[in-house]
Amino acid sequence: MNLILRLLITAIVAFLLTKILPGVHFDGFSTAVIFAIVLGILNLIVKPVLSLFGLPLTIITLGFFALVINAIIILIADYFIDSMKVDGFWWAFIFSILLSIITSLANSMFSDGD
């Protein structure tokens, strides 16, 4: 149940962010749900590989490169989802930062303390 709640929170936040950010577009809320699922899969499979290869840069940049990896994950999700459009790297970067911050806050508000 916790996984479904987290996916739903991510989908809602992503959908609302597309209404605020002009560089990220979803065709509808169903696209946001698909995005949340694809993002979860990419974070499970691709992100650890990118983080491992980017570890030296992450250390040199004092963690800033981890934000770049998050933006790359958003761009990969854009590649796989036809009804999603990101207008460039910087929009993906901004979107990933806001998505991370807001979903973390929302997840902490709705967590049951387990």
PDB file of N, CA and C in Angstrom:
ATOM      1  N   MET A   1       0.821  -1.191   0.000  1.00  0.00           N
ATOM      2  CA  MET A   1       0.000   0.000   0.000  1.00  0.00           C
ATOM      3  C   MET A   1       0.864   1.254   0.000  1.00  0.00           C
ATOM      4  N   ASN A   2       1.980   1.184   0.701  1.00  0.00           N
ATOM      5  CA  ASN A   2       2.892   2.315   0.771  1.00  0.00           C
ATOM      6  C   ASN A   2       3.458   2.661  -0.613  1.00  0.00           C
ATOM      7  N   LEU A   3       3.755   1.633  -1.410  1.00  0.00           N
ATOM      8  CA  LEU A   3       4.281   1.859  -2.752  1.00  0.00           C
ATOM      9  C   LEU A   3       3.254   2.580  -3.622  1.00  0.00           C
ATOM     10  N   ILE A   4       2.006   2.162  -3.543  1.00  0.00           N
ATOM     11  CA  ILE A   4       0.959   2.793  -4.341  1.00  0.00           C
ATOM     12  C   ILE A   4       0.777   4.249  -3.915  1.00  0.00           C
ATOM     13  N   LEU A   5       0.826   4.513  -2.615  1.00  0.00           N
ATOM     14  CA  LEU A   5       0.704   5.883  -2.120  1.00  0.00           C
ATOM     15  C   LEU A   5       1.854   6.745  -2.613  1.00  0.00           C
ATOM     16  N   ARG A   6       3.063   6.221  -2.575  1.00  0.00           N
ATOM     17  CA  ARG A   6       4.227   6.984  -3.058  1.00  0.00           C
ATOM     18  C   ARG A   6       4.143   7.252  -4.561  1.00  0.00           C
ATOM     19  N   LEU A   7       3.706   6.257  -5.331  1.00  0.00           N
ATOM     20  CA  LEU A   7       3.538   6.463  -6.776  1.00  0.00           C
ATOM     21  C   LEU A   7       2.464   7.509  -7.060  1.00  0.00           C
ATOM     22  N   LEU A   8       1.387   7.463  -6.297  1.00  0.00           N
ATOM     23  CA  LEU A   8       0.312   8.431  -6.482  1.00  0.00           C
ATOM     24  C   LEU A   8       0.768   9.842  -6.117  1.00  0.00           C
ATOM     25  N   ILE A   9       1.512   9.971  -5.038  1.00  0.00           N
ATOM     26  CA  ILE A   9       2.052  11.283  -4.647  1.00  0.00           C
ATOM     27  C   ILE A   9       2.986  11.808  -5.725  1.00  0.00           C
ATOM     28  N   THR A  10       3.861  10.954  -6.233  1.00  0.00           N
ATOM     29  CA  THR A  10       4.780  11.365  -7.301  1.00  0.00           C
ATOM     30  C   THR A  10       4.014  11.793  -8.541  1.00  0.00           C
ATOM     31  N   ALA A  11       2.973  11.052  -8.892  1.00  0.00           N
ATOM     32  CA  ALA A  11       2.172  11.390 -10.070  1.00  0.00           C
ATOM     33  C   ALA A  11       1.463  12.730  -9.889  1.00  0.00           C
ATOM     34  N   ILE A  12       0.886  12.949  -8.725  1.00  0.00           N
ATOM     35  CA  ILE A  12       0.177  14.209  -8.473  1.00  0.00           C
ATOM     36  C   ILE A  12       1.138  15.387  -8.505  1.00  0.00           C
ATOM     37  N   VAL A  13       2.271  15.254  -7.834  1.00  0.00           N
ATOM     38  CA  VAL A  13       3.254  16.344  -7.802  1.00  0.00           C
ATOM     39  C   VAL A  13       3.802  16.616  -9.205  1.00  0.00           C
ATOM     40  N   ALA A  14       4.121  15.570  -9.948  1.00  0.00           N
ATOM     41  CA  ALA A  14       4.633  15.747 -11.308  1.00  0.00           C
ATOM     42  C   ALA A  14       3.597  16.433 -12.191  1.00  0.00           C
ATOM     43  N   PHE A  15       2.342  16.014 -12.073  1.00  0.00           N
ATOM     44  CA  PHE A  15       1.281  16.622 -12.879  1.00  0.00           C
ATOM     45  C   PHE A  15       1.115  18.100 -12.532  1.00  0.00           C
ATOM     46  N   LEU A  16       1.141  18.430 -11.246  1.00  0.00           N
ATOM     47  CA  LEU A  16       1.015  19.831 -10.838  1.00  0.00           C
ATOM     48  C   LEU A  16       2.220  20.660 -11.273  1.00  0.00           C
ATOM     49  N   LEU A  17       3.401  20.064 -11.246  1.00  0.00           N
ATOM     50  CA  LEU A  17       4.596  20.790 -11.696  1.00  0.00           C
ATOM     51  C   LEU A  17       4.531  21.109 -13.187  1.00  0.00           C
ATOM     52  N   THR A  18       3.897  20.248 -13.971  1.00  0.00           N
ATOM     53  CA  THR A  18       3.776  20.536 -15.408  1.00  0.00           C
ATOM     54  C   THR A  18       2.854  21.724 -15.652  1.00  0.00           C
ATOM     55  N   LYS A  19       1.997  22.021 -14.699  1.00  0.00           N
ATOM     56  CA  LYS A  19       1.128  23.195 -14.822  1.00  0.00           C
ATOM     57  C   LYS A  19       1.887  24.475 -14.493  1.00  0.00           C
ATOM     58  N   ILE A  20       2.965  24.351 -13.729  1.00  0.00           N
ATOM     59  CA  ILE A  20       3.757  25.511 -13.319  1.00  0.00           C
ATOM     60  C   ILE A  20       4.942  25.736 -14.261  1.00  0.00           C
ATOM     61  N   LEU A  21       5.631  24.663 -14.626  1.00  0.00           N
ATOM     62  CA  LEU A  21       6.835  24.761 -15.462  1.00  0.00           C
ATOM     63  C   LEU A  21       6.447  24.681 -16.943  1.00  0.00           C
ATOM     64  N   PRO A  22       6.775  25.694 -17.725  1.00  0.00           N
ATOM     65  CA  PRO A  22       6.396  25.673 -19.140  1.00  0.00           C
ATOM     66  C   PRO A  22       7.241  24.734 -19.999  1.00  0.00           C
ATOM     67  N   GLY A  23       8.316  24.186 -19.465  1.00  0.00           N
ATOM     68  CA  GLY A  23       9.192  23.336 -20.259  1.00  0.00           C
ATOM     69  C   GLY A  23       8.947  21.847 -20.120  1.00  0.00           C
ATOM     70  N   VAL A  24       7.974  21.458 -19.302  1.00  0.00           N
ATOM     71  CA  VAL A  24       7.651  20.053 -19.099  1.00  0.00           C
ATOM     72  C   VAL A  24       6.160  19.880 -19.363  1.00  0.00           C
ATOM     73  N   HIS A  25       5.813  18.911 -20.222  1.00  0.00           N
ATOM     74  CA  HIS A  25       4.434  18.751 -20.658  1.00  0.00           C
ATOM     75  C   HIS A  25       3.986  17.302 -20.529  1.00  0.00           C
ATOM     76  N   PHE A  26       2.783  17.104 -19.950  1.00  0.00           N
ATOM     77  CA  PHE A  26       2.099  15.812 -19.929  1.00  0.00           C
ATOM     78  C   PHE A  26       0.790  15.978 -20.684  1.00  0.00           C
ATOM     79  N   ASP A  27       0.353  14.918 -21.373  1.00  0.00           N
ATOM     80  CA  ASP A  27      -0.940  14.973 -22.064  1.00  0.00           C
ATOM     81  C   ASP A  27      -2.109  14.919 -21.090  1.00  0.00           C
ATOM     82  N   GLY A  28      -1.918  14.307 -19.935  1.00  0.00           N
ATOM     83  CA  GLY A  28      -2.978  14.201 -18.947  1.00  0.00           C
ATOM     84  C   GLY A  28      -2.464  13.552 -17.687  1.00  0.00           C
ATOM     85  N   PHE A  29      -3.383  13.343 -16.730  1.00  0.00           N
ATOM     86  CA  PHE A  29      -2.969  12.748 -15.465  1.00  0.00           C
ATOM     87  C   PHE A  29      -2.527  11.300 -15.646  1.00  0.00           C
ATOM     88  N   SER A  30      -3.102  10.612 -16.620  1.00  0.00           N
ATOM     89  CA  SER A  30      -2.676   9.224 -16.858  1.00  0.00           C
ATOM     90  C   SER A  30      -1.203   9.173 -17.257  1.00  0.00           C
ATOM     91  N   THR A  31      -0.746  10.187 -17.978  1.00  0.00           N
ATOM     92  CA  THR A  31       0.678  10.270 -18.319  1.00  0.00           C
ATOM     93  C   THR A  31       1.514  10.447 -17.059  1.00  0.00           C
ATOM     94  N   ALA A  32       1.010  11.216 -16.104  1.00  0.00           N
ATOM     95  CA  ALA A  32       1.731  11.416 -14.845  1.00  0.00           C
ATOM     96  C   ALA A  32       1.845  10.107 -14.070  1.00  0.00           C
ATOM     97  N   VAL A  33       0.812   9.287 -14.106  1.00  0.00           N
ATOM     98  CA  VAL A  33       0.855   7.991 -13.428  1.00  0.00           C
ATOM     99  C   VAL A  33       1.875   7.078 -14.112  1.00  0.00           C
ATOM    100  N   ILE A  34       1.848   7.063 -15.444  1.00  0.00           N
ATOM    101  CA  ILE A  34       2.831   6.271 -16.199  1.00  0.00           C
ATOM    102  C   ILE A  34       4.240   6.776 -15.913  1.00  0.00           C
ATOM    103  N   PHE A  35       4.394   8.107 -15.849  1.00  0.00           N
ATOM    104  CA  PHE A  35       5.692   8.703 -15.535  1.00  0.00           C
ATOM    105  C   PHE A  35       6.181   8.241 -14.168  1.00  0.00           C
ATOM    106  N   ALA A  36       5.304   8.237 -13.172  1.00  0.00           N
ATOM    107  CA  ALA A  36       5.707   7.816 -11.822  1.00  0.00           C
ATOM    108  C   ALA A  36       6.174   6.367 -11.819  1.00  0.00           C
ATOM    109  N   ILE A  37       5.491   5.518 -12.568  1.00  0.00           N
ATOM    110  CA  ILE A  37       5.882   4.100 -12.639  1.00  0.00           C
ATOM    111  C   ILE A  37       7.219   3.946 -13.351  1.00  0.00           C
ATOM    112  N   VAL A  38       7.370   4.623 -14.497  1.00  0.00           N
ATOM    113  CA  VAL A  38       8.626   4.550 -15.253  1.00  0.00           C
ATOM    114  C   VAL A  38       9.777   5.134 -14.433  1.00  0.00           C
ATOM    115  N   LEU A  39       9.517   6.240 -13.742  1.00  0.00           N
ATOM    116  CA  LEU A  39      10.549   6.856 -12.906  1.00  0.00           C
ATOM    117  C   LEU A  39      10.986   5.901 -11.797  1.00  0.00           C
ATOM    118  N   GLY A  40      10.035   5.212 -11.196  1.00  0.00           N
ATOM    119  CA  GLY A  40      10.382   4.237 -10.166  1.00  0.00           C
ATOM    120  C   GLY A  40      11.247   3.115 -10.704  1.00  0.00           C
ATOM    121  N   ILE A  41      10.907   2.622 -11.887  1.00  0.00           N
ATOM    122  CA  ILE A  41      11.698   1.554 -12.511  1.00  0.00           C
ATOM    123  C   ILE A  41      13.096   2.044 -12.866  1.00  0.00           C
ATOM    124  N   LEU A  42      13.183   3.257 -13.434  1.00  0.00           N
ATOM    125  CA  LEU A  42      14.489   3.814 -13.795  1.00  0.00           C
ATOM    126  C   LEU A  42      15.340   4.070 -12.551  1.00  0.00           C
ATOM    127  N   ASN A  43      14.714   4.547 -11.477  1.00  0.00           N
ATOM    128  CA  ASN A  43      15.461   4.773 -10.237  1.00  0.00           C
ATOM    129  C   ASN A  43      15.942   3.458  -9.634  1.00  0.00           C
ATOM    130  N   LEU A  44      15.230   2.390  -9.901  1.00  0.00           N
ATOM    131  CA  LEU A  44      15.614   1.084  -9.381  1.00  0.00           C
ATOM    132  C   LEU A  44      16.740   0.444 -10.197  1.00  0.00           C
ATOM    133  N   ILE A  45      16.711   0.629 -11.513  1.00  0.00           N
ATOM    134  CA  ILE A  45      17.644  -0.086 -12.387  1.00  0.00           C
ATOM    135  C   ILE A  45      18.770   0.799 -12.908  1.00  0.00           C
ATOM    136  N   VAL A  46      18.434   1.944 -13.480  1.00  0.00           N
ATOM    137  CA  VAL A  46      19.417   2.765 -14.186  1.00  0.00           C
ATOM    138  C   VAL A  46      20.186   3.690 -13.248  1.00  0.00           C
ATOM    139  N   LYS A  47      19.500   4.278 -12.279  1.00  0.00           N
ATOM    140  CA  LYS A  47      20.154   5.261 -11.417  1.00  0.00           C
ATOM    141  C   LYS A  47      21.349   4.705 -10.645  1.00  0.00           C
ATOM    142  N   PRO A  48      21.286   3.475 -10.094  1.00  0.00           N
ATOM    143  CA  PRO A  48      22.481   2.962  -9.411  1.00  0.00           C
ATOM    144  C   PRO A  48      23.692   2.826 -10.337  1.00  0.00           C
ATOM    145  N   VAL A  49      23.443   2.453 -11.587  1.00  0.00           N
ATOM    146  CA  VAL A  49      24.552   2.322 -12.547  1.00  0.00           C
ATOM    147  C   VAL A  49      25.147   3.699 -12.847  1.00  0.00           C
ATOM    148  N   LEU A  50      24.271   4.682 -13.106  1.00  0.00           N
ATOM    149  CA  LEU A  50      24.762   6.035 -13.372  1.00  0.00           C
ATOM    150  C   LEU A  50      25.468   6.616 -12.156  1.00  0.00           C
ATOM    151  N   SER A  51      24.945   6.337 -10.973  1.00  0.00           N
ATOM    152  CA  SER A  51      25.569   6.842  -9.753  1.00  0.00           C
ATOM    153  C   SER A  51      26.942   6.220  -9.531  1.00  0.00           C
ATOM    154  N   LEU A  52      27.075   4.949  -9.868  1.00  0.00           N
ATOM    155  CA  LEU A  52      28.366   4.287  -9.711  1.00  0.00           C
ATOM    156  C   LEU A  52      29.405   4.881 -10.659  1.00  0.00           C
ATOM    157  N   PHE A  53      29.013   5.052 -11.936  1.00  0.00           N
ATOM    158  CA  PHE A  53      29.948   5.624 -12.891  1.00  0.00           C
ATOM    159  C   PHE A  53      30.215   7.108 -12.624  1.00  0.00           C
ATOM    160  N   GLY A  54      29.229   7.793 -12.062  1.00  0.00           N
ATOM    161  CA  GLY A  54      29.387   9.217 -11.780  1.00  0.00           C
ATOM    162  C   GLY A  54      29.929   9.519 -10.409  1.00  0.00           C
ATOM    163  N   LEU A  55      30.273   8.485  -9.648  1.00  0.00           N
ATOM    164  CA  LEU A  55      30.756   8.694  -8.281  1.00  0.00           C
ATOM    165  C   LEU A  55      31.964   9.626  -8.194  1.00  0.00           C
ATOM    166  N   PRO A  56      32.972   9.488  -9.051  1.00  0.00           N
ATOM    167  CA  PRO A  56      34.094  10.434  -8.964  1.00  0.00           C
ATOM    168  C   PRO A  56      33.658  11.887  -9.175  1.00  0.00           C
ATOM    169  N   LEU A  57      32.779  12.116 -10.157  1.00  0.00           N
ATOM    170  CA  LEU A  57      32.295  13.477 -10.385  1.00  0.00           C
ATOM    171  C   LEU A  57      31.426  13.968  -9.236  1.00  0.00           C
ATOM    172  N   THR A  58      30.664  13.068  -8.643  1.00  0.00           N
ATOM    173  CA  THR A  58      29.826  13.439  -7.507  1.00  0.00           C
ATOM    174  C   THR A  58      30.695  13.857  -6.326  1.00  0.00           C
ATOM    175  N   ILE A  59      31.783  13.151  -6.113  1.00  0.00           N
ATOM    176  CA  ILE A  59      32.700  13.491  -5.026  1.00  0.00           C
ATOM    177  C   ILE A  59      33.393  14.820  -5.310  1.00  0.00           C
ATOM    178  N   ILE A  60      33.867  14.997  -6.536  1.00  0.00           N
ATOM    179  CA  ILE A  60      34.575  16.234  -6.895  1.00  0.00           C
ATOM    180  C   ILE A  60      33.655  17.446  -6.782  1.00  0.00           C
ATOM    181  N   THR A  61      32.394  17.284  -7.192  1.00  0.00           N
ATOM    182  CA  THR A  61      31.457  18.414  -7.173  1.00  0.00           C
ATOM    183  C   THR A  61      30.676  18.507  -5.857  1.00  0.00           C
ATOM    184  N   LEU A  62      31.101  17.742  -4.856  1.00  0.00           N
ATOM    185  CA  LEU A  62      30.476  17.747  -3.529  1.00  0.00           C
ATOM    186  C   LEU A  62      28.986  17.413  -3.587  1.00  0.00           C
ATOM    187  N   GLY A  63      28.620  16.490  -4.448  1.00  0.00           N
ATOM    188  CA  GLY A  63      27.255  15.999  -4.534  1.00  0.00           C
ATOM    189  C   GLY A  63      26.402  16.644  -5.603  1.00  0.00           C
ATOM    190  N   PHE A  64      26.874  17.714  -6.218  1.00  0.00           N
ATOM    191  CA  PHE A  64      26.077  18.410  -7.227  1.00  0.00           C
ATOM    192  C   PHE A  64      25.781  17.525  -8.430  1.00  0.00           C
ATOM    193  N   PHE A  65      26.697  16.649  -8.785  1.00  0.00           N
ATOM    194  CA  PHE A  65      26.495  15.796  -9.958  1.00  0.00           C
ATOM    195  C   PHE A  65      25.332  14.829  -9.759  1.00  0.00           C
ATOM    196  N   ALA A  66      24.960  14.541  -8.528  1.00  0.00           N
ATOM    197  CA  ALA A  66      23.787  13.694  -8.271  1.00  0.00           C
ATOM    198  C   ALA A  66      22.520  14.359  -8.814  1.00  0.00           C
ATOM    199  N   LEU A  67      22.475  15.687  -8.779  1.00  0.00           N
ATOM    200  CA  LEU A  67      21.338  16.415  -9.363  1.00  0.00           C
ATOM    201  C   LEU A  67      21.322  16.261 -10.882  1.00  0.00           C
ATOM    202  N   VAL A  68      22.482  16.237 -11.472  1.00  0.00           N
ATOM    203  CA  VAL A  68      22.583  16.028 -12.923  1.00  0.00           C
ATOM    204  C   VAL A  68      22.101  14.620 -13.277  1.00  0.00           C
ATOM    205  N   ILE A  69      22.446  13.638 -12.463  1.00  0.00           N
ATOM    206  CA  ILE A  69      21.985  12.267 -12.698  1.00  0.00           C
ATOM    207  C   ILE A  69      20.459  12.205 -12.619  1.00  0.00           C
ATOM    208  N   ASN A  70      19.867  12.920 -11.663  1.00  0.00           N
ATOM    209  CA  ASN A  70      18.405  12.959 -11.573  1.00  0.00           C
ATOM    210  C   ASN A  70      17.788  13.559 -12.834  1.00  0.00           C
ATOM    211  N   ALA A  71      18.396  14.607 -13.370  1.00  0.00           N
ATOM    212  CA  ALA A  71      17.894  15.222 -14.609  1.00  0.00           C
ATOM    213  C   ALA A  71      18.026  14.250 -15.783  1.00  0.00           C
ATOM    214  N   ILE A  72      19.099  13.504 -15.822  1.00  0.00           N
ATOM    215  CA  ILE A  72      19.288  12.512 -16.886  1.00  0.00           C
ATOM    216  C   ILE A  72      18.212  11.428 -16.798  1.00  0.00           C
ATOM    217  N   ILE A  73      17.854  11.027 -15.587  1.00  0.00           N
ATOM    218  CA  ILE A  73      16.792  10.034 -15.398  1.00  0.00           C
ATOM    219  C   ILE A  73      15.461  10.587 -15.930  1.00  0.00           C
ATOM    220  N   ILE A  74      15.179  11.865 -15.689  1.00  0.00           N
ATOM    221  CA  ILE A  74      13.959  12.496 -16.216  1.00  0.00           C
ATOM    222  C   ILE A  74      13.978  12.487 -17.740  1.00  0.00           C
ATOM    223  N   LEU A  75      15.118  12.787 -18.336  1.00  0.00           N
ATOM    224  CA  LEU A  75      15.223  12.779 -19.796  1.00  0.00           C
ATOM    225  C   LEU A  75      15.070  11.369 -20.366  1.00  0.00           C
ATOM    226  N   ILE A  76      15.559  10.369 -19.671  1.00  0.00           N
ATOM    227  CA  ILE A  76      15.370   8.983 -20.118  1.00  0.00           C
ATOM    228  C   ILE A  76      13.888   8.616 -20.045  1.00  0.00           C
ATOM    229  N   ALA A  77      13.216   9.037 -18.986  1.00  0.00           N
ATOM    230  CA  ALA A  77      11.771   8.791 -18.882  1.00  0.00           C
ATOM    231  C   ALA A  77      11.034   9.484 -20.025  1.00  0.00           C
ATOM    232  N   ASP A  78      11.453  10.690 -20.372  1.00  0.00           N
ATOM    233  CA  ASP A  78      10.860  11.418 -21.499  1.00  0.00           C
ATOM    234  C   ASP A  78      11.031  10.635 -22.796  1.00  0.00           C
ATOM    235  N   TYR A  79      12.163   9.994 -22.954  1.00  0.00           N
ATOM    236  CA  TYR A  79      12.428   9.200 -24.150  1.00  0.00           C
ATOM    237  C   TYR A  79      11.457   8.020 -24.272  1.00  0.00           C
ATOM    238  N   PHE A  80      11.135   7.393 -23.144  1.00  0.00           N
ATOM    239  CA  PHE A  80      10.279   6.214 -23.162  1.00  0.00           C
ATOM    240  C   PHE A  80       8.785   6.525 -23.189  1.00  0.00           C
ATOM    241  N   ILE A  81       8.393   7.707 -22.745  1.00  0.00           N
ATOM    242  CA  ILE A  81       6.974   8.048 -22.652  1.00  0.00           C
ATOM    243  C   ILE A  81       6.631   9.022 -23.775  1.00  0.00           C
ATOM    244  N   ASP A  82       5.800   8.568 -24.718  1.00  0.00           N
ATOM    245  CA  ASP A  82       5.454   9.393 -25.878  1.00  0.00           C
ATOM    246  C   ASP A  82       4.584  10.597 -25.517  1.00  0.00           C
ATOM    247  N   SER A  83       3.764  10.468 -24.490  1.00  0.00           N
ATOM    248  CA  SER A  83       2.851  11.554 -24.136  1.00  0.00           C
ATOM    249  C   SER A  83       3.463  12.531 -23.137  1.00  0.00           C
ATOM    250  N   MET A  84       4.772  12.470 -22.986  1.00  0.00           N
ATOM    251  CA  MET A  84       5.516  13.390 -22.120  1.00  0.00           C
ATOM    252  C   MET A  84       6.538  14.120 -22.976  1.00  0.00           C
ATOM    253  N   LYS A  85       6.734  15.401 -22.688  1.00  0.00           N
ATOM    254  CA  LYS A  85       7.717  16.185 -23.443  1.00  0.00           C
ATOM    255  C   LYS A  85       8.474  17.083 -22.485  1.00  0.00           C
ATOM    256  N   VAL A  86       9.796  16.998 -22.521  1.00  0.00           N
ATOM    257  CA  VAL A  86      10.665  17.891 -21.763  1.00  0.00           C
ATOM    258  C   VAL A  86      11.464  18.691 -22.787  1.00  0.00           C
ATOM    259  N   ASP A  87      11.455  20.005 -22.645  1.00  0.00           N
ATOM    260  CA  ASP A  87      12.039  20.884 -23.658  1.00  0.00           C
ATOM    261  C   ASP A  87      13.561  20.998 -23.610  1.00  0.00           C
ATOM    262  N   GLY A  88      14.211  20.362 -22.679  1.00  0.00           N
ATOM    263  CA  GLY A  88      15.665  20.409 -22.648  1.00  0.00           C
ATOM    264  C   GLY A  88      16.206  19.987 -21.294  1.00  0.00           C
ATOM    265  N   PHE A  89      17.529  19.962 -21.223  1.00  0.00           N
ATOM    266  CA  PHE A  89      18.187  19.501 -20.000  1.00  0.00           C
ATOM    267  C   PHE A  89      17.854  20.382 -18.807  1.00  0.00           C
ATOM    268  N   TRP A  90      17.861  21.693 -18.991  1.00  0.00           N
ATOM    269  CA  TRP A  90      17.653  22.586 -17.852  1.00  0.00           C
ATOM    270  C   TRP A  90      16.242  22.483 -17.294  1.00  0.00           C
ATOM    271  N   TRP A  91      15.264  22.250 -18.169  1.00  0.00           N
ATOM    272  CA  TRP A  91      13.903  22.022 -17.678  1.00  0.00           C
ATOM    273  C   TRP A  91      13.839  20.708 -16.907  1.00  0.00           C
ATOM    274  N   ALA A  92      14.529  19.691 -17.381  1.00  0.00           N
ATOM    275  CA  ALA A  92      14.575  18.423 -16.655  1.00  0.00           C
ATOM    276  C   ALA A  92      15.279  18.603 -15.316  1.00  0.00           C
ATOM    277  N   PHE A  93      16.302  19.413 -15.293  1.00  0.00           N
ATOM    278  CA  PHE A  93      17.054  19.692 -14.066  1.00  0.00           C
ATOM    279  C   PHE A  93      16.165  20.371 -13.031  1.00  0.00           C
ATOM    280  N   ILE A  94      15.490  21.433 -13.441  1.00  0.00           N
ATOM    281  CA  ILE A  94      14.595  22.164 -12.533  1.00  0.00           C
ATOM    282  C   ILE A  94      13.447  21.263 -12.073  1.00  0.00           C
ATOM    283  N   PHE A  95      12.859  20.533 -13.022  1.00  0.00           N
ATOM    284  CA  PHE A  95      11.755  19.626 -12.716  1.00  0.00           C
ATOM    285  C   PHE A  95      12.187  18.568 -11.712  1.00  0.00           C
ATOM    286  N   SER A  96      13.377  17.999 -11.892  1.00  0.00           N
ATOM    287  CA  SER A  96      13.840  16.939 -10.991  1.00  0.00           C
ATOM    288  C   SER A  96      14.097  17.474  -9.587  1.00  0.00           C
ATOM    289  N   ILE A  97      14.630  18.683  -9.489  1.00  0.00           N
ATOM    290  CA  ILE A  97      14.871  19.275  -8.162  1.00  0.00           C
ATOM    291  C   ILE A  97      13.551  19.522  -7.443  1.00  0.00           C
ATOM    292  N   LEU A  98      12.619  20.168  -8.129  1.00  0.00           N
ATOM    293  CA  LEU A  98      11.323  20.453  -7.505  1.00  0.00           C
ATOM    294  C   LEU A  98      10.559  19.179  -7.184  1.00  0.00           C
ATOM    295  N   LEU A  99      10.601  18.216  -8.087  1.00  0.00           N
ATOM    296  CA  LEU A  99       9.918  16.938  -7.854  1.00  0.00           C
ATOM    297  C   LEU A  99      10.498  16.242  -6.624  1.00  0.00           C
ATOM    298  N   SER A 100      11.798  16.238  -6.491  1.00  0.00           N
ATOM    299  CA  SER A 100      12.440  15.591  -5.343  1.00  0.00           C
ATOM    300  C   SER A 100      12.059  16.272  -4.031  1.00  0.00           C
ATOM    301  N   ILE A 101      12.112  17.586  -4.017  1.00  0.00           N
ATOM    302  CA  ILE A 101      11.820  18.327  -2.779  1.00  0.00           C
ATOM    303  C   ILE A 101      10.358  18.149  -2.376  1.00  0.00           C
ATOM    304  N   ILE A 102       9.456  18.364  -3.315  1.00  0.00           N
ATOM    305  CA  ILE A 102       8.029  18.337  -2.976  1.00  0.00           C
ATOM    306  C   ILE A 102       7.560  16.922  -2.648  1.00  0.00           C
ATOM    307  N   THR A 103       8.019  15.919  -3.400  1.00  0.00           N
ATOM    308  CA  THR A 103       7.602  14.549  -3.076  1.00  0.00           C
ATOM    309  C   THR A 103       8.174  14.100  -1.733  1.00  0.00           C
ATOM    310  N   SER A 104       9.382  14.542  -1.401  1.00  0.00           N
ATOM    311  CA  SER A 104       9.943  14.196  -0.086  1.00  0.00           C
ATOM    312  C   SER A 104       9.099  14.791   1.034  1.00  0.00           C
ATOM    313  N   LEU A 105       8.707  16.044   0.868  1.00  0.00           N
ATOM    314  CA  LEU A 105       7.857  16.682   1.876  1.00  0.00           C
ATOM    315  C   LEU A 105       6.495  15.995   1.969  1.00  0.00           C
ATOM    316  N   ALA A 106       5.892  15.708   0.819  1.00  0.00           N
ATOM    317  CA  ALA A 106       4.574  15.069   0.805  1.00  0.00           C
ATOM    318  C   ALA A 106       4.640  13.654   1.369  1.00  0.00           C
ATOM    319  N   ASN A 107       5.671  12.907   1.025  1.00  0.00           N
ATOM    320  CA  ASN A 107       5.815  11.549   1.559  1.00  0.00           C
ATOM    321  C   ASN A 107       6.007  11.568   3.071  1.00  0.00           C
ATOM    322  N   SER A 108       6.741  12.553   3.583  1.00  0.00           N
ATOM    323  CA  SER A 108       6.934  12.632   5.032  1.00  0.00           C
ATOM    324  C   SER A 108       5.629  13.027   5.731  1.00  0.00           C
ATOM    325  N   MET A 109       4.787  13.815   5.075  1.00  0.00           N
ATOM    326  CA  MET A 109       3.506  14.188   5.676  1.00  0.00           C
ATOM    327  C   MET A 109       2.538  13.014   5.711  1.00  0.00           C
ATOM    328  N   PHE A 110       2.560  12.173   4.678  1.00  0.00           N
ATOM    329  CA  PHE A 110       1.603  11.078   4.576  1.00  0.00           C
ATOM    330  C   PHE A 110       2.145   9.742   5.055  1.00  0.00           C
ATOM    331  N   SER A 111       3.383   9.696   5.515  1.00  0.00           N
ATOM    332  CA  SER A 111       3.911   8.414   5.991  1.00  0.00           C
ATOM    333  C   SER A 111       3.262   8.071   7.323  1.00  0.00           C
ATOM    334  N   ASP A 112       3.112   6.788   7.581  1.00  0.00           N
ATOM    335  CA  ASP A 112       2.445   6.344   8.803  1.00  0.00           C
ATOM    336  C   ASP A 112       3.413   6.088   9.948  1.00  0.00           C
ATOM    337  N   GLY A 113       4.650   6.506   9.817  1.00  0.00           N
ATOM    338  CA  GLY A 113       5.610   6.392  10.895  1.00  0.00           C
ATOM    339  C   GLY A 113       6.266   5.029  11.032  1.00  0.00           C
ATOM    340  N   ASP A 114       6.211   4.214  10.001  1.00  0.00           N
ATOM    341  CA  ASP A 114       6.844   2.883  10.062  1.00  0.00           C
ATOM    342  C   ASP A 114       8.329   2.979   9.999  1.00  0.00           C
TER     343      ASP A 114
END
